[in-house]
């Protein structure tokens, strides 16, 4: 993994379990969903056909929340790989927050 230096990059690692990406998922989910243990395996299970139910704290669907986090993680990963920009979890979290704020305003 070019982001964290791990030698093996699986699809789960690419999106969820890379320590920097996991930090983003944990930070965003902790802010927008009822409290629970946000492990990489649990986050990955949210994409299964029958995920454990999670209830967002605000007026957005869990699908919009997950999609927004995934989009931000992927956008910053792409910028890291293609444009040599740093992958900083706090910057990705700020992008998630901005996107969620914009989505909530559009839905209001």
N, C-alpha and C. Protein backbone atom coordinates (compact mmCIF):
# COMPACT_ATOMS: atom_id res chain seq x y z
N UNK A 1 0.85 -1.19 0.00
CA UNK A 1 0.00 0.00 0.00
C UNK A 1 0.89 1.24 0.00
N UNK A 2 0.68 2.09 -0.98
CA UNK A 2 1.50 3.30 -1.08
C UNK A 2 1.14 4.33 -0.02
N UNK A 3 -0.07 4.25 0.55
CA UNK A 3 -0.49 5.22 1.55
C UNK A 3 0.14 4.93 2.91
N UNK A 4 0.13 3.65 3.33
CA UNK A 4 0.63 3.32 4.67
C UNK A 4 1.92 2.51 4.68
N UNK A 5 2.33 1.98 3.51
CA UNK A 5 3.57 1.22 3.44
C UNK A 5 3.41 -0.27 3.66
N UNK A 6 2.20 -0.75 3.85
CA UNK A 6 1.97 -2.19 3.98
C UNK A 6 2.26 -2.85 2.64
N UNK A 7 2.84 -4.02 2.67
CA UNK A 7 3.24 -4.65 1.41
C UNK A 7 2.07 -5.27 0.65
N UNK A 8 1.01 -5.66 1.32
CA UNK A 8 -0.11 -6.31 0.66
C UNK A 8 -1.31 -5.38 0.62
N UNK A 9 -1.78 -5.07 -0.58
CA UNK A 9 -2.94 -4.19 -0.70
C UNK A 9 -4.10 -4.95 -1.32
N UNK A 10 -4.99 -5.42 -0.46
CA UNK A 10 -6.21 -6.09 -0.92
C UNK A 10 -7.27 -5.02 -1.17
N UNK A 11 -8.39 -5.42 -1.75
CA UNK A 11 -9.46 -4.46 -1.98
C UNK A 11 -10.00 -3.93 -0.65
N UNK A 12 -10.07 -4.78 0.38
CA UNK A 12 -10.52 -4.32 1.69
C UNK A 12 -9.52 -3.31 2.26
N UNK A 13 -8.25 -3.59 2.12
CA UNK A 13 -7.24 -2.66 2.61
C UNK A 13 -7.30 -1.33 1.85
N UNK A 14 -7.48 -1.41 0.54
CA UNK A 14 -7.53 -0.22 -0.29
C UNK A 14 -8.62 0.74 0.16
N UNK A 15 -9.77 0.20 0.55
CA UNK A 15 -10.92 1.06 0.87
C UNK A 15 -11.19 1.25 2.35
N UNK A 16 -10.86 0.26 3.19
CA UNK A 16 -11.29 0.33 4.58
C UNK A 16 -10.20 0.15 5.62
N UNK A 17 -9.33 -0.84 5.44
CA UNK A 17 -8.45 -1.22 6.55
C UNK A 17 -7.07 -0.58 6.54
N UNK A 18 -6.71 0.15 5.49
CA UNK A 18 -5.49 0.96 5.54
C UNK A 18 -5.64 1.88 6.76
N UNK A 19 -4.66 1.94 7.64
CA UNK A 19 -4.84 2.73 8.87
C UNK A 19 -5.32 4.16 8.64
N UNK A 20 -4.83 4.83 7.63
CA UNK A 20 -5.26 6.21 7.38
C UNK A 20 -6.71 6.26 6.88
N UNK A 21 -7.10 5.31 6.07
CA UNK A 21 -8.47 5.27 5.57
C UNK A 21 -9.43 4.82 6.67
N UNK A 22 -8.99 3.87 7.48
CA UNK A 22 -9.81 3.44 8.62
C UNK A 22 -10.06 4.61 9.57
N UNK A 23 -9.07 5.45 9.75
CA UNK A 23 -9.23 6.63 10.60
C UNK A 23 -10.34 7.54 10.06
N UNK A 24 -10.40 7.67 8.75
CA UNK A 24 -11.46 8.48 8.12
C UNK A 24 -12.82 7.84 8.38
N UNK A 25 -12.94 6.55 8.07
CA UNK A 25 -14.21 5.86 8.28
C UNK A 25 -14.65 5.95 9.73
N UNK A 26 -13.73 5.68 10.66
CA UNK A 26 -14.08 5.70 12.07
C UNK A 26 -14.49 7.11 12.52
N UNK A 27 -13.77 8.12 12.06
CA UNK A 27 -14.09 9.49 12.44
C UNK A 27 -15.44 9.92 11.91
N UNK A 28 -15.71 9.65 10.65
CA UNK A 28 -16.98 10.07 10.05
C UNK A 28 -18.15 9.27 10.63
N UNK A 29 -18.00 7.97 10.73
CA UNK A 29 -19.10 7.17 11.26
C UNK A 29 -19.37 7.49 12.72
N UNK A 30 -18.33 7.77 13.49
CA UNK A 30 -18.52 8.14 14.90
C UNK A 30 -19.27 9.46 15.03
N UNK A 31 -19.08 10.33 14.06
CA UNK A 31 -19.74 11.64 14.10
C UNK A 31 -21.19 11.57 13.65
N UNK A 32 -21.49 10.69 12.68
CA UNK A 32 -22.80 10.71 12.04
C UNK A 32 -23.70 9.51 12.33
N UNK A 33 -23.22 8.54 13.09
CA UNK A 33 -24.00 7.33 13.38
C UNK A 33 -23.90 7.03 14.87
N UNK A 34 -24.95 6.35 15.40
CA UNK A 34 -24.91 5.94 16.80
C UNK A 34 -23.60 5.24 17.13
N UNK A 35 -23.16 5.41 18.35
CA UNK A 35 -21.85 4.89 18.77
C UNK A 35 -21.79 3.36 18.69
N UNK A 36 -20.68 2.87 18.20
CA UNK A 36 -20.37 1.44 18.16
C UNK A 36 -18.89 1.28 17.85
N UNK A 37 -18.40 0.07 17.86
CA UNK A 37 -17.00 -0.20 17.52
C UNK A 37 -16.87 -0.26 16.01
N UNK A 38 -16.15 0.67 15.43
CA UNK A 38 -16.02 0.75 13.97
C UNK A 38 -14.73 0.07 13.52
N UNK A 39 -14.76 -1.25 13.43
CA UNK A 39 -13.60 -1.98 12.94
C UNK A 39 -13.64 -2.02 11.41
N UNK A 40 -12.52 -2.33 10.81
CA UNK A 40 -12.47 -2.44 9.35
C UNK A 40 -13.42 -3.53 8.86
N UNK A 41 -13.49 -4.65 9.57
CA UNK A 41 -14.39 -5.73 9.17
C UNK A 41 -15.84 -5.29 9.24
N UNK A 42 -16.21 -4.56 10.29
CA UNK A 42 -17.60 -4.10 10.40
C UNK A 42 -17.92 -3.10 9.29
N UNK A 43 -17.00 -2.19 9.01
CA UNK A 43 -17.22 -1.21 7.94
C UNK A 43 -17.38 -1.93 6.61
N UNK A 44 -16.54 -2.89 6.35
CA UNK A 44 -16.64 -3.68 5.11
C UNK A 44 -17.99 -4.39 5.04
N UNK A 45 -18.49 -4.86 6.17
CA UNK A 45 -19.77 -5.57 6.19
C UNK A 45 -20.95 -4.66 5.83
N UNK A 46 -20.77 -3.36 5.93
CA UNK A 46 -21.84 -2.43 5.54
C UNK A 46 -22.15 -2.53 4.05
N UNK A 47 -21.22 -3.09 3.28
CA UNK A 47 -21.39 -3.24 1.85
C UNK A 47 -21.93 -4.62 1.46
N UNK A 48 -22.23 -5.45 2.45
CA UNK A 48 -22.77 -6.78 2.16
C UNK A 48 -24.26 -6.66 1.84
N UNK A 49 -24.85 -7.69 1.25
CA UNK A 49 -26.27 -7.63 0.88
C UNK A 49 -27.21 -7.44 2.08
N UNK A 50 -26.80 -7.92 3.25
CA UNK A 50 -27.65 -7.81 4.44
C UNK A 50 -26.83 -7.27 5.62
N UNK A 51 -26.47 -5.97 5.58
CA UNK A 51 -25.62 -5.42 6.64
C UNK A 51 -26.37 -5.26 7.96
N UNK A 52 -25.62 -5.21 9.05
CA UNK A 52 -26.22 -4.86 10.33
C UNK A 52 -26.81 -3.47 10.21
N UNK A 53 -27.98 -3.25 10.80
CA UNK A 53 -28.58 -1.92 10.69
C UNK A 53 -27.79 -0.87 11.46
N UNK A 54 -27.64 0.28 10.85
CA UNK A 54 -27.04 1.44 11.52
C UNK A 54 -27.99 2.61 11.31
N UNK A 55 -28.06 3.48 12.30
CA UNK A 55 -28.99 4.59 12.23
C UNK A 55 -28.22 5.90 12.32
N UNK A 56 -28.21 6.66 11.24
CA UNK A 56 -27.54 7.97 11.27
C UNK A 56 -28.18 8.88 12.32
N UNK A 57 -27.38 9.76 12.88
CA UNK A 57 -27.86 10.69 13.90
C UNK A 57 -28.60 11.88 13.30
N UNK A 58 -28.42 12.11 12.02
CA UNK A 58 -29.02 13.26 11.37
C UNK A 58 -29.98 12.79 10.30
N UNK A 59 -30.54 13.72 9.59
CA UNK A 59 -31.60 13.45 8.61
C UNK A 59 -31.07 13.04 7.23
N UNK A 60 -30.11 12.13 7.20
CA UNK A 60 -29.61 11.60 5.93
C UNK A 60 -29.66 10.08 6.00
N UNK A 61 -29.78 9.45 4.85
CA UNK A 61 -29.83 7.99 4.86
C UNK A 61 -28.42 7.43 5.05
N UNK A 62 -28.37 6.22 5.55
CA UNK A 62 -27.08 5.56 5.75
C UNK A 62 -26.38 5.34 4.41
N UNK A 63 -27.15 5.13 3.34
CA UNK A 63 -26.55 4.92 2.02
C UNK A 63 -25.86 6.19 1.52
N UNK A 64 -26.47 7.33 1.75
CA UNK A 64 -25.84 8.60 1.36
C UNK A 64 -24.59 8.83 2.18
N UNK A 65 -24.65 8.54 3.46
CA UNK A 65 -23.48 8.71 4.33
C UNK A 65 -22.33 7.82 3.89
N UNK A 66 -22.60 6.55 3.69
CA UNK A 66 -21.55 5.61 3.28
C UNK A 66 -20.98 6.00 1.92
N UNK A 67 -21.85 6.36 0.99
CA UNK A 67 -21.40 6.78 -0.33
C UNK A 67 -20.54 8.02 -0.28
N UNK A 68 -20.89 8.95 0.59
CA UNK A 68 -20.12 10.18 0.73
C UNK A 68 -18.73 9.90 1.30
N UNK A 69 -18.66 9.05 2.30
CA UNK A 69 -17.36 8.69 2.88
C UNK A 69 -16.51 7.96 1.83
N UNK A 70 -17.11 6.98 1.17
CA UNK A 70 -16.39 6.21 0.16
C UNK A 70 -15.88 7.12 -0.96
N UNK A 71 -16.71 8.04 -1.42
CA UNK A 71 -16.31 8.97 -2.48
C UNK A 71 -15.13 9.83 -2.03
N UNK A 72 -15.17 10.32 -0.82
CA UNK A 72 -14.08 11.17 -0.32
C UNK A 72 -12.79 10.38 -0.17
N UNK A 73 -12.89 9.17 0.39
CA UNK A 73 -11.69 8.33 0.53
C UNK A 73 -11.08 8.06 -0.84
N UNK A 74 -11.94 7.68 -1.79
CA UNK A 74 -11.44 7.35 -3.11
C UNK A 74 -10.85 8.58 -3.80
N UNK A 75 -11.48 9.74 -3.68
CA UNK A 75 -10.99 10.96 -4.32
C UNK A 75 -9.60 11.32 -3.79
N UNK A 76 -9.42 11.24 -2.49
CA UNK A 76 -8.12 11.59 -1.91
C UNK A 76 -7.08 10.51 -2.19
N UNK A 77 -7.49 9.25 -2.27
CA UNK A 77 -6.55 8.19 -2.66
C UNK A 77 -6.06 8.44 -4.08
N UNK A 78 -6.98 8.76 -4.96
CA UNK A 78 -6.62 9.04 -6.35
C UNK A 78 -5.67 10.24 -6.44
N UNK A 79 -5.94 11.30 -5.68
CA UNK A 79 -5.06 12.47 -5.68
C UNK A 79 -3.67 12.11 -5.15
N UNK A 80 -3.63 11.18 -4.18
CA UNK A 80 -2.35 10.74 -3.64
C UNK A 80 -1.55 9.98 -4.70
N UNK A 81 -2.20 9.05 -5.36
CA UNK A 81 -1.53 8.19 -6.34
C UNK A 81 -1.17 8.96 -7.61
N UNK A 82 -2.11 9.72 -8.14
CA UNK A 82 -1.92 10.36 -9.44
C UNK A 82 -1.26 11.73 -9.38
N UNK A 83 -1.53 12.47 -8.30
CA UNK A 83 -1.05 13.85 -8.24
C UNK A 83 -0.04 14.08 -7.12
N UNK A 84 0.34 13.00 -6.42
CA UNK A 84 1.34 13.05 -5.35
C UNK A 84 0.93 13.98 -4.21
N UNK A 85 -0.38 14.11 -3.95
CA UNK A 85 -0.86 14.89 -2.82
C UNK A 85 -0.92 13.99 -1.59
N UNK A 86 -0.67 14.54 -0.44
CA UNK A 86 -0.67 13.76 0.80
C UNK A 86 -2.07 13.24 1.09
N UNK A 87 -2.15 12.02 1.64
CA UNK A 87 -3.43 11.48 2.11
C UNK A 87 -3.48 11.75 3.60
N UNK A 88 -4.14 12.83 3.97
CA UNK A 88 -4.25 13.24 5.37
C UNK A 88 -5.69 12.99 5.84
N UNK A 89 -5.88 12.09 6.81
CA UNK A 89 -7.24 11.79 7.27
C UNK A 89 -8.05 13.02 7.68
N UNK A 90 -7.42 13.99 8.31
CA UNK A 90 -8.19 15.18 8.74
C UNK A 90 -8.72 15.95 7.54
N UNK A 91 -7.97 15.98 6.45
CA UNK A 91 -8.44 16.65 5.24
C UNK A 91 -9.59 15.89 4.60
N UNK A 92 -9.49 14.57 4.61
CA UNK A 92 -10.57 13.75 4.04
C UNK A 92 -11.82 13.89 4.90
N UNK A 93 -11.66 13.89 6.21
CA UNK A 93 -12.80 14.08 7.11
C UNK A 93 -13.46 15.45 6.89
N UNK A 94 -12.65 16.47 6.66
CA UNK A 94 -13.20 17.80 6.38
C UNK A 94 -14.01 17.78 5.08
N UNK A 95 -13.54 17.03 4.09
CA UNK A 95 -14.27 16.90 2.83
C UNK A 95 -15.59 16.16 3.04
N UNK A 96 -15.58 15.13 3.88
CA UNK A 96 -16.80 14.41 4.21
C UNK A 96 -17.79 15.36 4.89
N UNK A 97 -17.31 16.10 5.87
CA UNK A 97 -18.18 17.04 6.59
C UNK A 97 -18.80 18.07 5.65
N UNK A 98 -17.99 18.62 4.76
CA UNK A 98 -18.50 19.60 3.80
C UNK A 98 -19.56 18.97 2.90
N UNK A 99 -19.29 17.79 2.38
CA UNK A 99 -20.25 17.11 1.51
C UNK A 99 -21.55 16.80 2.24
N UNK A 100 -21.46 16.34 3.48
CA UNK A 100 -22.66 16.03 4.26
C UNK A 100 -23.45 17.31 4.53
N UNK A 101 -22.76 18.40 4.84
CA UNK A 101 -23.44 19.69 5.06
C UNK A 101 -24.18 20.12 3.80
N UNK A 102 -23.55 19.98 2.65
CA UNK A 102 -24.18 20.36 1.39
C UNK A 102 -25.38 19.46 1.08
N UNK A 103 -25.25 18.18 1.32
CA UNK A 103 -26.35 17.25 1.08
C UNK A 103 -27.52 17.57 2.00
N UNK A 104 -27.26 17.80 3.26
CA UNK A 104 -28.33 18.12 4.20
C UNK A 104 -29.03 19.40 3.81
N UNK A 105 -28.29 20.39 3.31
CA UNK A 105 -28.91 21.65 2.87
C UNK A 105 -29.80 21.41 1.65
N UNK A 106 -29.37 20.55 0.75
CA UNK A 106 -30.17 20.27 -0.44
C UNK A 106 -31.44 19.48 -0.09
N UNK A 107 -31.36 18.65 0.94
CA UNK A 107 -32.51 17.86 1.32
C UNK A 107 -33.51 18.63 2.18
N UNK A 108 -33.06 19.75 2.74
CA UNK A 108 -33.93 20.54 3.63
C UNK A 108 -35.01 21.26 2.86
